[in-house]
Amino acid sequence: MAAYGKLSDQELTALLKEGNHAAFTEIYHRYWDKLYVVAYTRLADETEAEEAVQNIFLGLWKRRETLYLTHSLTTYLSVAVKYQVLTRLAQIRRERKRSDQLKINVVEGKETTHEWLSEKELKQKIERCIDELPRKCRIVFRMSREQGLSNARIAEELHIAEKTVEGHITNALSKLQNSLNIALPVLLTILENKLRK
């Protein structure tokens, strides 16, 4: 490993393209801390920062054979960490907005399920609706909601695109929402509570 430590980024990148694990490991050790500091400074969350950096290296390894750097490896990784940070910040904002909207709906008492169904009946109806989903859609939805897997992990396990996973989940939520005739934020809360029990 010490020999790899003496190699330049350009040499390591060339070896990486050939699938050299040791070259990848050297790049990982050489840049992990630097990327983590940038991610943590902007995200202010250790777990989020670690996940962002892990995604960068996962992407680097997956794209190793087709990797084409117009600038240096340092520049490539700097851009990658900025992209990861922006993506995560946007995701955090969406989740916060969804959570705030949910609180508003609960406070205002919009479409409370107690008005039309008991909790037990509602859960049974949700289960029936999930069972009626198309097979692939049902599998993806259960992996997401019941096993708590990320879209990326589901895509990897089922060998499908992440966009396809998102499509199945959106389709499932839409069908459940229409079948149950309740607002999406309320549906998401019910599904969360259903998983906790």
N, C-alpha and C. Protein backbone atom coordinates (compact mmCIF):
# COMPACT_ATOMS: atom_id res chain seq x y z
N MET A 1 0.83 -1.21 0.00
CA MET A 1 0.00 0.00 0.00
C MET A 1 0.86 1.26 0.00
N ALA A 2 2.03 1.16 0.65
CA ALA A 2 2.93 2.31 0.73
C ALA A 2 3.34 2.78 -0.66
N ALA A 3 3.51 1.80 -1.59
CA ALA A 3 3.91 2.15 -2.96
C ALA A 3 2.83 2.99 -3.64
N TYR A 4 1.58 2.68 -3.35
CA TYR A 4 0.47 3.43 -3.95
C TYR A 4 0.41 4.85 -3.39
N GLY A 5 0.84 5.01 -2.17
CA GLY A 5 0.85 6.33 -1.54
C GLY A 5 1.78 7.30 -2.24
N LYS A 6 2.75 6.77 -2.98
CA LYS A 6 3.71 7.63 -3.70
C LYS A 6 3.23 8.00 -5.10
N LEU A 7 2.17 7.35 -5.54
CA LEU A 7 1.66 7.61 -6.89
C LEU A 7 0.89 8.93 -6.96
N SER A 8 0.90 9.55 -8.13
CA SER A 8 0.14 10.79 -8.33
C SER A 8 -1.33 10.45 -8.52
N ASP A 9 -2.19 11.46 -8.41
CA ASP A 9 -3.63 11.25 -8.64
C ASP A 9 -3.88 10.71 -10.03
N GLN A 10 -3.12 11.22 -10.99
CA GLN A 10 -3.29 10.81 -12.38
C GLN A 10 -2.97 9.32 -12.55
N GLU A 11 -1.90 8.87 -11.89
CA GLU A 11 -1.52 7.46 -11.97
C GLU A 11 -2.56 6.58 -11.27
N LEU A 12 -3.03 7.05 -10.13
CA LEU A 12 -4.06 6.30 -9.39
C LEU A 12 -5.34 6.18 -10.20
N THR A 13 -5.71 7.28 -10.87
CA THR A 13 -6.93 7.28 -11.69
C THR A 13 -6.81 6.28 -12.84
N ALA A 14 -5.63 6.22 -13.44
CA ALA A 14 -5.41 5.27 -14.54
C ALA A 14 -5.56 3.84 -14.05
N LEU A 15 -5.02 3.56 -12.86
CA LEU A 15 -5.13 2.21 -12.26
C LEU A 15 -6.58 1.92 -11.86
N LEU A 16 -7.26 2.94 -11.37
CA LEU A 16 -8.66 2.79 -10.97
C LEU A 16 -9.50 2.36 -12.16
N LYS A 17 -9.25 2.95 -13.32
CA LYS A 17 -10.00 2.62 -14.53
C LYS A 17 -9.85 1.14 -14.90
N GLU A 18 -8.74 0.55 -14.47
CA GLU A 18 -8.49 -0.87 -14.74
C GLU A 18 -9.11 -1.77 -13.66
N GLY A 19 -9.77 -1.13 -12.68
CA GLY A 19 -10.41 -1.90 -11.62
C GLY A 19 -9.48 -2.25 -10.47
N ASN A 20 -8.40 -1.49 -10.33
CA ASN A 20 -7.42 -1.76 -9.27
C ASN A 20 -7.97 -1.31 -7.91
N HIS A 21 -8.23 -2.28 -7.03
CA HIS A 21 -8.81 -2.00 -5.70
C HIS A 21 -7.85 -1.19 -4.82
N ALA A 22 -6.58 -1.50 -4.90
CA ALA A 22 -5.60 -0.81 -4.06
C ALA A 22 -5.52 0.67 -4.44
N ALA A 23 -5.62 0.97 -5.73
CA ALA A 23 -5.61 2.37 -6.18
C ALA A 23 -6.84 3.10 -5.66
N PHE A 24 -7.98 2.41 -5.72
CA PHE A 24 -9.22 3.00 -5.21
C PHE A 24 -9.10 3.28 -3.70
N THR A 25 -8.56 2.32 -2.97
CA THR A 25 -8.39 2.46 -1.52
C THR A 25 -7.48 3.65 -1.20
N GLU A 26 -6.43 3.81 -1.99
CA GLU A 26 -5.51 4.94 -1.77
C GLU A 26 -6.22 6.27 -2.00
N ILE A 27 -7.03 6.36 -3.06
CA ILE A 27 -7.80 7.59 -3.34
C ILE A 27 -8.76 7.85 -2.19
N TYR A 28 -9.40 6.79 -1.72
CA TYR A 28 -10.35 6.88 -0.61
C TYR A 28 -9.67 7.48 0.63
N HIS A 29 -8.52 6.90 1.02
CA HIS A 29 -7.80 7.38 2.21
C HIS A 29 -7.23 8.79 2.00
N ARG A 30 -6.86 9.09 0.79
CA ARG A 30 -6.26 10.39 0.48
C ARG A 30 -7.28 11.51 0.56
N TYR A 31 -8.53 11.22 0.19
CA TYR A 31 -9.52 12.30 0.08
C TYR A 31 -10.70 12.23 1.05
N TRP A 32 -10.87 11.10 1.76
CA TRP A 32 -12.03 10.96 2.64
C TRP A 32 -12.17 12.15 3.60
N ASP A 33 -11.11 12.43 4.38
CA ASP A 33 -11.18 13.50 5.40
C ASP A 33 -11.51 14.86 4.80
N LYS A 34 -10.87 15.17 3.68
CA LYS A 34 -11.08 16.48 3.04
C LYS A 34 -12.54 16.64 2.60
N LEU A 35 -13.07 15.59 1.99
CA LEU A 35 -14.46 15.64 1.51
C LEU A 35 -15.44 15.68 2.68
N TYR A 36 -15.12 14.93 3.73
CA TYR A 36 -15.99 14.90 4.90
C TYR A 36 -16.08 16.28 5.55
N VAL A 37 -14.95 16.97 5.66
CA VAL A 37 -14.93 18.31 6.28
C VAL A 37 -15.83 19.26 5.48
N VAL A 38 -15.73 19.21 4.15
CA VAL A 38 -16.56 20.08 3.30
C VAL A 38 -18.05 19.74 3.50
N ALA A 39 -18.36 18.44 3.46
CA ALA A 39 -19.76 18.01 3.60
C ALA A 39 -20.31 18.37 4.97
N TYR A 40 -19.52 18.14 6.02
CA TYR A 40 -19.99 18.41 7.38
C TYR A 40 -20.18 19.91 7.61
N THR A 41 -19.26 20.71 7.07
CA THR A 41 -19.35 22.17 7.23
C THR A 41 -20.67 22.69 6.67
N ARG A 42 -21.11 22.10 5.57
CA ARG A 42 -22.34 22.59 4.92
C ARG A 42 -23.61 21.92 5.43
N LEU A 43 -23.49 20.66 5.83
CA LEU A 43 -24.69 19.92 6.27
C LEU A 43 -24.89 19.96 7.78
N ALA A 44 -23.80 20.18 8.53
CA ALA A 44 -23.84 20.23 10.01
C ALA A 44 -24.48 18.98 10.61
N ASP A 45 -24.23 17.84 9.99
CA ASP A 45 -24.77 16.59 10.49
C ASP A 45 -23.79 15.47 10.12
N GLU A 46 -23.29 14.76 11.12
CA GLU A 46 -22.26 13.74 10.88
C GLU A 46 -22.75 12.63 9.95
N THR A 47 -23.94 12.11 10.23
CA THR A 47 -24.47 11.00 9.43
C THR A 47 -24.69 11.42 7.98
N GLU A 48 -25.29 12.60 7.79
CA GLU A 48 -25.54 13.10 6.43
C GLU A 48 -24.22 13.31 5.69
N ALA A 49 -23.22 13.86 6.40
CA ALA A 49 -21.92 14.13 5.78
C ALA A 49 -21.24 12.81 5.38
N GLU A 50 -21.28 11.82 6.27
CA GLU A 50 -20.67 10.52 5.98
C GLU A 50 -21.35 9.86 4.79
N GLU A 51 -22.67 9.93 4.76
CA GLU A 51 -23.42 9.33 3.66
C GLU A 51 -23.10 10.01 2.33
N ALA A 52 -22.97 11.32 2.38
CA ALA A 52 -22.63 12.08 1.17
C ALA A 52 -21.28 11.63 0.62
N VAL A 53 -20.30 11.51 1.49
CA VAL A 53 -18.95 11.11 1.07
C VAL A 53 -18.96 9.66 0.57
N GLN A 54 -19.68 8.79 1.28
CA GLN A 54 -19.77 7.39 0.84
C GLN A 54 -20.35 7.31 -0.57
N ASN A 55 -21.38 8.12 -0.83
CA ASN A 55 -22.01 8.13 -2.16
C ASN A 55 -21.03 8.55 -3.25
N ILE A 56 -20.16 9.49 -2.90
CA ILE A 56 -19.16 9.97 -3.87
C ILE A 56 -18.24 8.82 -4.27
N PHE A 57 -17.73 8.11 -3.26
CA PHE A 57 -16.80 7.02 -3.55
C PHE A 57 -17.49 5.82 -4.20
N LEU A 58 -18.73 5.58 -3.82
CA LEU A 58 -19.50 4.51 -4.45
C LEU A 58 -19.68 4.82 -5.94
N GLY A 59 -20.03 6.07 -6.23
CA GLY A 59 -20.20 6.51 -7.62
C GLY A 59 -18.90 6.43 -8.40
N LEU A 60 -17.80 6.80 -7.74
CA LEU A 60 -16.48 6.76 -8.38
C LEU A 60 -16.13 5.33 -8.78
N TRP A 61 -16.37 4.38 -7.87
CA TRP A 61 -16.05 2.98 -8.16
C TRP A 61 -16.97 2.43 -9.26
N LYS A 62 -18.25 2.76 -9.19
CA LYS A 62 -19.20 2.25 -10.20
C LYS A 62 -18.88 2.77 -11.60
N ARG A 63 -18.40 4.02 -11.65
CA ARG A 63 -18.11 4.64 -12.97
C ARG A 63 -16.64 4.52 -13.37
N ARG A 64 -15.89 3.70 -12.67
CA ARG A 64 -14.44 3.65 -12.88
C ARG A 64 -14.04 3.38 -14.34
N GLU A 65 -14.75 2.48 -15.00
CA GLU A 65 -14.36 2.09 -16.36
C GLU A 65 -14.64 3.19 -17.38
N THR A 66 -15.67 3.98 -17.12
CA THR A 66 -16.04 5.04 -18.08
C THR A 66 -15.59 6.42 -17.60
N LEU A 67 -14.85 6.45 -16.50
CA LEU A 67 -14.42 7.71 -15.89
C LEU A 67 -13.53 8.50 -16.85
N TYR A 68 -13.94 9.74 -17.11
CA TYR A 68 -13.13 10.61 -17.97
C TYR A 68 -13.03 11.97 -17.28
N LEU A 69 -11.84 12.30 -16.85
CA LEU A 69 -11.65 13.55 -16.11
C LEU A 69 -11.11 14.64 -17.03
N THR A 70 -11.88 15.71 -17.16
CA THR A 70 -11.41 16.83 -17.98
C THR A 70 -10.44 17.70 -17.17
N HIS A 71 -10.57 17.61 -15.83
CA HIS A 71 -9.66 18.34 -14.95
C HIS A 71 -9.01 17.33 -14.00
N SER A 72 -8.48 17.80 -12.91
CA SER A 72 -7.81 16.91 -11.96
C SER A 72 -8.81 16.11 -11.14
N LEU A 73 -8.32 15.07 -10.47
CA LEU A 73 -9.15 14.26 -9.59
C LEU A 73 -9.68 15.12 -8.45
N THR A 74 -8.84 16.03 -7.95
CA THR A 74 -9.24 16.94 -6.86
C THR A 74 -10.45 17.76 -7.29
N THR A 75 -10.41 18.30 -8.50
CA THR A 75 -11.51 19.11 -9.02
C THR A 75 -12.78 18.26 -9.14
N TYR A 76 -12.61 17.06 -9.68
CA TYR A 76 -13.75 16.14 -9.85
C TYR A 76 -14.42 15.87 -8.50
N LEU A 77 -13.62 15.56 -7.49
CA LEU A 77 -14.17 15.24 -6.17
C LEU A 77 -14.77 16.47 -5.49
N SER A 78 -14.18 17.65 -5.73
CA SER A 78 -14.73 18.89 -5.17
C SER A 78 -16.12 19.17 -5.72
N VAL A 79 -16.27 18.97 -7.02
CA VAL A 79 -17.58 19.17 -7.66
C VAL A 79 -18.56 18.12 -7.15
N ALA A 80 -18.08 16.88 -7.01
CA ALA A 80 -18.94 15.78 -6.54
C ALA A 80 -19.48 16.05 -5.15
N VAL A 81 -18.63 16.56 -4.25
CA VAL A 81 -19.09 16.81 -2.88
C VAL A 81 -20.08 17.97 -2.85
N LYS A 82 -19.87 18.98 -3.70
CA LYS A 82 -20.82 20.10 -3.76
C LYS A 82 -22.19 19.61 -4.25
N TYR A 83 -22.16 18.73 -5.26
CA TYR A 83 -23.40 18.18 -5.81
C TYR A 83 -24.14 17.36 -4.74
N GLN A 84 -23.40 16.52 -4.03
CA GLN A 84 -23.99 15.69 -2.97
C GLN A 84 -24.62 16.56 -1.89
N VAL A 85 -23.92 17.62 -1.50
CA VAL A 85 -24.42 18.53 -0.45
C VAL A 85 -25.72 19.19 -0.91
N LEU A 86 -25.72 19.71 -2.13
CA LEU A 86 -26.92 20.38 -2.66
C LEU A 86 -28.10 19.42 -2.74
N THR A 87 -27.82 18.19 -3.19
CA THR A 87 -28.88 17.17 -3.29
C THR A 87 -29.46 16.87 -1.92
N ARG A 88 -28.59 16.70 -0.93
CA ARG A 88 -29.04 16.38 0.43
C ARG A 88 -29.78 17.55 1.06
N LEU A 89 -29.32 18.76 0.85
CA LEU A 89 -30.00 19.93 1.40
C LEU A 89 -31.41 20.06 0.82
N ALA A 90 -31.53 19.80 -0.49
CA ALA A 90 -32.84 19.85 -1.15
C ALA A 90 -33.76 18.78 -0.57
N GLN A 91 -33.20 17.60 -0.33
CA GLN A 91 -33.99 16.50 0.25
C GLN A 91 -34.45 16.85 1.66
N ILE A 92 -33.55 17.43 2.45
CA ILE A 92 -33.88 17.82 3.83
C ILE A 92 -35.00 18.87 3.81
N ARG A 93 -34.89 19.84 2.88
CA ARG A 93 -35.92 20.89 2.77
C ARG A 93 -37.28 20.28 2.42
N ARG A 94 -37.28 19.32 1.48
CA ARG A 94 -38.53 18.67 1.08
C ARG A 94 -39.16 17.93 2.25
N GLU A 95 -38.32 17.20 2.99
CA GLU A 95 -38.83 16.44 4.13
C GLU A 95 -39.37 17.37 5.22
N ARG A 96 -38.67 18.49 5.45
CA ARG A 96 -39.11 19.46 6.46
C ARG A 96 -40.44 20.07 6.04
N LYS A 97 -40.55 20.40 4.76
CA LYS A 97 -41.78 21.01 4.24
C LYS A 97 -42.95 20.03 4.38
N ARG A 98 -42.68 18.75 4.05
CA ARG A 98 -43.70 17.72 4.16
C ARG A 98 -44.14 17.55 5.62
N SER A 99 -43.15 17.57 6.51
CA SER A 99 -43.43 17.42 7.94
C SER A 99 -44.25 18.60 8.47
N ASP A 100 -43.88 19.83 8.03
CA ASP A 100 -44.60 21.03 8.45
C ASP A 100 -46.05 21.00 7.96
N GLN A 101 -46.23 20.56 6.71
CA GLN A 101 -47.57 20.48 6.13
C GLN A 101 -48.42 19.48 6.89
N LEU A 102 -47.78 18.38 7.27
CA LEU A 102 -48.46 17.34 8.03
C LEU A 102 -48.95 17.87 9.37
N LYS A 103 -48.10 18.65 10.04
CA LYS A 103 -48.47 19.24 11.33
C LYS A 103 -49.65 20.19 11.17
N ILE A 104 -49.62 20.98 10.09
CA ILE A 104 -50.71 21.93 9.82
C ILE A 104 -52.02 21.17 9.65
N ASN A 105 -51.98 20.09 8.85
CA ASN A 105 -53.18 19.29 8.60
C ASN A 105 -53.74 18.67 9.88
N VAL A 106 -52.82 18.19 10.72
CA VAL A 106 -53.24 17.58 11.98
C VAL A 106 -53.87 18.63 12.89
N VAL A 107 -53.21 19.82 12.98
CA VAL A 107 -53.71 20.90 13.84
C VAL A 107 -55.09 21.37 13.37
N GLU A 108 -55.25 21.49 12.05
CA GLU A 108 -56.51 21.96 11.51
C GLU A 108 -57.57 20.86 11.49
N GLY A 109 -57.15 19.64 11.77
CA GLY A 109 -58.09 18.51 11.83
C GLY A 109 -58.63 18.11 10.48
N LYS A 110 -57.83 18.28 9.42
CA LYS A 110 -58.30 17.95 8.09
C LYS A 110 -58.34 16.44 7.89
N GLU A 111 -59.45 15.94 7.43
CA GLU A 111 -59.62 14.55 7.01
C GLU A 111 -59.09 13.55 8.05
N THR A 112 -59.49 13.67 9.27
CA THR A 112 -59.07 12.69 10.27
C THR A 112 -59.78 11.38 9.98
N THR A 113 -59.05 10.30 10.06
CA THR A 113 -59.58 8.99 9.67
C THR A 113 -60.66 8.50 10.62
N HIS A 114 -60.69 9.02 11.87
CA HIS A 114 -61.70 8.59 12.83
C HIS A 114 -63.12 8.95 12.40
N GLU A 115 -63.21 9.91 11.46
CA GLU A 115 -64.52 10.32 10.98
C GLU A 115 -65.20 9.23 10.17
N TRP A 116 -64.44 8.36 9.56
CA TRP A 116 -65.07 7.40 8.67
C TRP A 116 -64.63 5.95 8.85
N LEU A 117 -63.57 5.70 9.58
CA LEU A 117 -63.16 4.31 9.79
C LEU A 117 -62.39 4.16 11.10
N SER A 118 -62.55 3.05 11.75
CA SER A 118 -61.74 2.80 12.93
C SER A 118 -60.32 2.48 12.48
N GLU A 119 -59.37 2.61 13.38
CA GLU A 119 -57.95 2.39 13.04
C GLU A 119 -57.72 0.99 12.49
N LYS A 120 -58.33 -0.01 13.13
CA LYS A 120 -58.15 -1.40 12.70
C LYS A 120 -58.69 -1.62 11.29
N GLU A 121 -59.87 -1.11 11.03
CA GLU A 121 -60.48 -1.26 9.70
C GLU A 121 -59.63 -0.57 8.64
N LEU A 122 -59.11 0.60 9.00
CA LEU A 122 -58.29 1.36 8.05
C LEU A 122 -57.03 0.58 7.68
N LYS A 123 -56.38 0.01 8.69
CA LYS A 123 -55.17 -0.77 8.43
C LYS A 123 -55.45 -1.97 7.54
N GLN A 124 -56.59 -2.60 7.76
CA GLN A 124 -56.98 -3.75 6.93
C GLN A 124 -57.22 -3.31 5.48
N LYS A 125 -57.86 -2.16 5.35
CA LYS A 125 -58.14 -1.63 4.01
C LYS A 125 -56.84 -1.27 3.29
N ILE A 126 -55.91 -0.67 4.02
CA ILE A 126 -54.60 -0.32 3.44
C ILE A 126 -53.90 -1.59 2.97
N GLU A 127 -53.92 -2.63 3.80
CA GLU A 127 -53.27 -3.90 3.48
C GLU A 127 -53.87 -4.51 2.22
N ARG A 128 -55.20 -4.45 2.11
CA ARG A 128 -55.88 -4.97 0.91
C ARG A 128 -55.46 -4.18 -0.33
N CYS A 129 -55.40 -2.86 -0.19
CA CYS A 129 -55.00 -2.00 -1.33
C CYS A 129 -53.57 -2.31 -1.78
N ILE A 130 -52.67 -2.52 -0.81
CA ILE A 130 -51.28 -2.85 -1.14
C ILE A 130 -51.23 -4.19 -1.88
N ASP A 131 -52.02 -5.17 -1.41
CA ASP A 131 -52.05 -6.50 -2.05
C ASP A 131 -52.56 -6.44 -3.48
N GLU A 132 -53.37 -5.42 -3.78
CA GLU A 132 -53.96 -5.29 -5.12
C GLU A 132 -53.03 -4.56 -6.10
N LEU A 133 -51.92 -4.02 -5.60
CA LEU A 133 -50.98 -3.34 -6.49
C LEU A 133 -50.33 -4.34 -7.44
N PRO A 134 -49.88 -3.89 -8.63
CA PRO A 134 -49.15 -4.80 -9.52
C PRO A 134 -47.94 -5.38 -8.79
N ARG A 135 -47.56 -6.61 -9.13
CA ARG A 135 -46.54 -7.36 -8.39
C ARG A 135 -45.26 -6.55 -8.13
N LYS A 136 -44.65 -6.00 -9.17
CA LYS A 136 -43.37 -5.27 -9.03
C LYS A 136 -43.56 -4.03 -8.16
N CYS A 137 -44.65 -3.34 -8.40
CA CYS A 137 -44.98 -2.13 -7.64
C CYS A 137 -45.14 -2.47 -6.16
N ARG A 138 -45.83 -3.59 -5.90
CA ARG A 138 -46.07 -4.03 -4.51
C ARG A 138 -44.75 -4.39 -3.82
N ILE A 139 -43.87 -5.09 -4.52
CA ILE A 139 -42.58 -5.49 -3.95
C ILE A 139 -41.76 -4.25 -3.58
N VAL A 140 -41.67 -3.30 -4.53
CA VAL A 140 -40.90 -2.06 -4.30
C VAL A 140 -41.48 -1.28 -3.12
N PHE A 141 -42.81 -1.17 -3.10
CA PHE A 141 -43.48 -0.40 -2.04
C PHE A 141 -43.23 -1.02 -0.67
N ARG A 142 -43.33 -2.33 -0.58
CA ARG A 142 -43.11 -3.01 0.71
C ARG A 142 -41.65 -2.88 1.14
N MET A 143 -40.72 -2.98 0.20
CA MET A 143 -39.29 -2.83 0.54
C MET A 143 -39.02 -1.43 1.08
N SER A 144 -39.71 -0.44 0.48
CA SER A 144 -39.53 0.95 0.90
C SER A 144 -40.19 1.23 2.24
N ARG A 145 -41.47 0.87 2.36
CA ARG A 145 -42.25 1.24 3.55
C ARG A 145 -42.08 0.28 4.72
N GLU A 146 -41.96 -1.02 4.43
CA GLU A 146 -41.92 -1.99 5.53
C GLU A 146 -40.50 -2.34 5.95
N GLN A 147 -39.58 -2.39 4.96
CA GLN A 147 -38.20 -2.71 5.32
C GLN A 147 -37.37 -1.45 5.52
N GLY A 148 -37.93 -0.29 5.11
CA GLY A 148 -37.24 0.98 5.30
C GLY A 148 -36.00 1.14 4.43
N LEU A 149 -35.96 0.45 3.27
CA LEU A 149 -34.79 0.55 2.39
C LEU A 149 -34.84 1.81 1.55
N SER A 150 -33.68 2.35 1.25
CA SER A 150 -33.60 3.55 0.41
C SER A 150 -33.89 3.16 -1.04
N ASN A 151 -34.23 4.16 -1.86
CA ASN A 151 -34.50 3.90 -3.28
C ASN A 151 -33.29 3.28 -3.98
N ALA A 152 -32.10 3.78 -3.61
CA ALA A 152 -30.86 3.29 -4.22
C ALA A 152 -30.66 1.81 -3.89
N ARG A 153 -30.93 1.44 -2.65
CA ARG A 153 -30.74 0.05 -2.21
C ARG A 153 -31.75 -0.87 -2.91
N ILE A 154 -32.99 -0.40 -3.02
CA ILE A 154 -34.02 -1.20 -3.70
C ILE A 154 -33.63 -1.42 -5.15
N ALA A 155 -33.19 -0.33 -5.80
CA ALA A 155 -32.77 -0.40 -7.21
C ALA A 155 -31.65 -1.42 -7.38
N GLU A 156 -30.71 -1.40 -6.45
CA GLU A 156 -29.56 -2.32 -6.49
C GLU A 156 -30.02 -3.77 -6.32
N GLU A 157 -30.89 -4.01 -5.35
CA GLU A 157 -31.34 -5.38 -5.06
C GLU A 157 -32.21 -5.95 -6.18
N LEU A 158 -33.03 -5.10 -6.80
CA LEU A 158 -33.94 -5.58 -7.84
C LEU A 158 -33.37 -5.42 -9.25
N HIS A 159 -32.17 -4.83 -9.34
CA HIS A 159 -31.50 -4.60 -10.63
C HIS A 159 -32.36 -3.75 -11.57
N ILE A 160 -32.90 -2.66 -11.01
CA ILE A 160 -33.67 -1.73 -11.82
C ILE A 160 -33.15 -0.31 -11.55
N ALA A 161 -33.55 0.65 -12.39
CA ALA A 161 -33.10 2.03 -12.22
C ALA A 161 -33.77 2.67 -11.00
N GLU A 162 -33.05 3.60 -10.39
CA GLU A 162 -33.58 4.30 -9.21
C GLU A 162 -34.85 5.07 -9.59
N LYS A 163 -34.90 5.61 -10.81
CA LYS A 163 -36.08 6.34 -11.28
C LYS A 163 -37.29 5.40 -11.36
N THR A 164 -37.04 4.14 -11.73
CA THR A 164 -38.12 3.15 -11.80
C THR A 164 -38.67 2.90 -10.41
N VAL A 165 -37.77 2.83 -9.42
CA VAL A 165 -38.19 2.63 -8.03
C VAL A 165 -39.08 3.80 -7.60
N GLU A 166 -38.62 5.03 -7.88
CA GLU A 166 -39.40 6.23 -7.53
C GLU A 166 -40.77 6.18 -8.19
N GLY A 167 -40.80 5.75 -9.45
CA GLY A 167 -42.06 5.65 -10.19
C GLY A 167 -43.03 4.68 -9.54
N HIS A 168 -42.52 3.51 -9.13
CA HIS A 168 -43.36 2.50 -8.47
C HIS A 168 -43.93 3.04 -7.16
N ILE A 169 -43.09 3.73 -6.38
CA ILE A 169 -43.54 4.25 -5.08
C ILE A 169 -44.60 5.33 -5.28
N THR A 170 -44.35 6.24 -6.23
CA THR A 170 -45.31 7.30 -6.54
C THR A 170 -46.63 6.70 -7.00
N ASN A 171 -46.54 5.69 -7.87
CA ASN A 171 -47.73 5.01 -8.39
C ASN A 171 -48.51 4.34 -7.25
N ALA A 172 -47.77 3.67 -6.35
CA ALA A 172 -48.42 2.98 -5.23
C ALA A 172 -49.13 3.97 -4.32
N LEU A 173 -48.45 5.07 -3.98
CA LEU A 173 -49.05 6.08 -3.10
C LEU A 173 -50.29 6.70 -3.74
N SER A 174 -50.20 6.94 -5.06
CA SER A 174 -51.33 7.53 -5.78
C SER A 174 -52.55 6.59 -5.76
N LYS A 175 -52.30 5.29 -5.99
CA LYS A 175 -53.40 4.32 -5.99
C LYS A 175 -54.00 4.17 -4.59
N LEU A 176 -53.14 4.16 -3.57
CA LEU A 176 -53.63 4.05 -2.20
C LEU A 176 -54.46 5.29 -1.84
N GLN A 177 -53.94 6.45 -2.22
CA GLN A 177 -54.63 7.71 -1.92
C GLN A 177 -56.01 7.74 -2.57
N ASN A 178 -56.09 7.31 -3.83
CA ASN A 178 -57.37 7.31 -4.55
C ASN A 178 -58.34 6.27 -3.97
N SER A 179 -57.80 5.08 -3.65
CA SER A 179 -58.65 4.01 -3.12
C SER A 179 -59.21 4.37 -1.75
N LEU A 180 -58.37 4.99 -0.92
CA LEU A 180 -58.77 5.30 0.46
C LEU A 180 -59.44 6.67 0.57
N ASN A 181 -59.24 7.49 -0.48
CA ASN A 181 -59.84 8.83 -0.51
C ASN A 181 -59.43 9.70 0.69
N ILE A 182 -58.11 9.70 0.96
CA ILE A 182 -57.57 10.57 2.01
C ILE A 182 -56.37 11.34 1.49
N ALA A 183 -56.07 12.47 2.13
CA ALA A 183 -54.96 13.32 1.70
C ALA A 183 -53.64 12.60 1.88
N LEU A 184 -52.68 12.88 0.97
CA LEU A 184 -51.38 12.22 0.99
C LEU A 184 -50.65 12.37 2.34
N PRO A 185 -50.58 13.58 2.92
CA PRO A 185 -49.88 13.70 4.20
C PRO A 185 -50.47 12.80 5.29
N VAL A 186 -51.82 12.68 5.29
CA VAL A 186 -52.50 11.83 6.27
C VAL A 186 -52.15 10.37 5.99
N LEU A 187 -52.15 9.98 4.71
CA LEU A 187 -51.80 8.61 4.32
C LEU A 187 -50.39 8.27 4.78
N LEU A 188 -49.44 9.17 4.55
CA LEU A 188 -48.05 8.93 4.95
C LEU A 188 -47.93 8.76 6.46
N THR A 189 -48.69 9.54 7.22
CA THR A 189 -48.67 9.41 8.69
C THR A 189 -49.21 8.05 9.11
N ILE A 190 -50.31 7.64 8.49
CA ILE A 190 -50.92 6.34 8.81
C ILE A 190 -49.94 5.21 8.51
N LEU A 191 -49.28 5.30 7.34
CA LEU A 191 -48.31 4.26 6.97
C LEU A 191 -47.16 4.21 7.96
N GLU A 192 -46.68 5.37 8.41
CA GLU A 192 -45.61 5.43 9.40
C GLU A 192 -46.04 4.77 10.69
N ASN A 193 -47.24 5.12 11.18
CA ASN A 193 -47.76 4.56 12.42
C ASN A 193 -47.98 3.05 12.30
N LYS A 194 -48.41 2.63 11.11
CA LYS A 194 -48.65 1.21 10.86
C LYS A 194 -47.37 0.41 10.98
N LEU A 195 -46.25 0.99 10.53
CA LEU A 195 -44.96 0.30 10.57
C LEU A 195 -44.42 0.22 11.99
N ARG A 196 -44.72 1.24 12.79
CA ARG A 196 -44.18 1.25 14.15
C ARG A 196 -44.79 0.18 15.03
N LYS A 197 -46.02 -0.27 14.66
CA LYS A 197 -46.74 -1.22 15.54
C LYS A 197 -46.53 -2.66 15.10
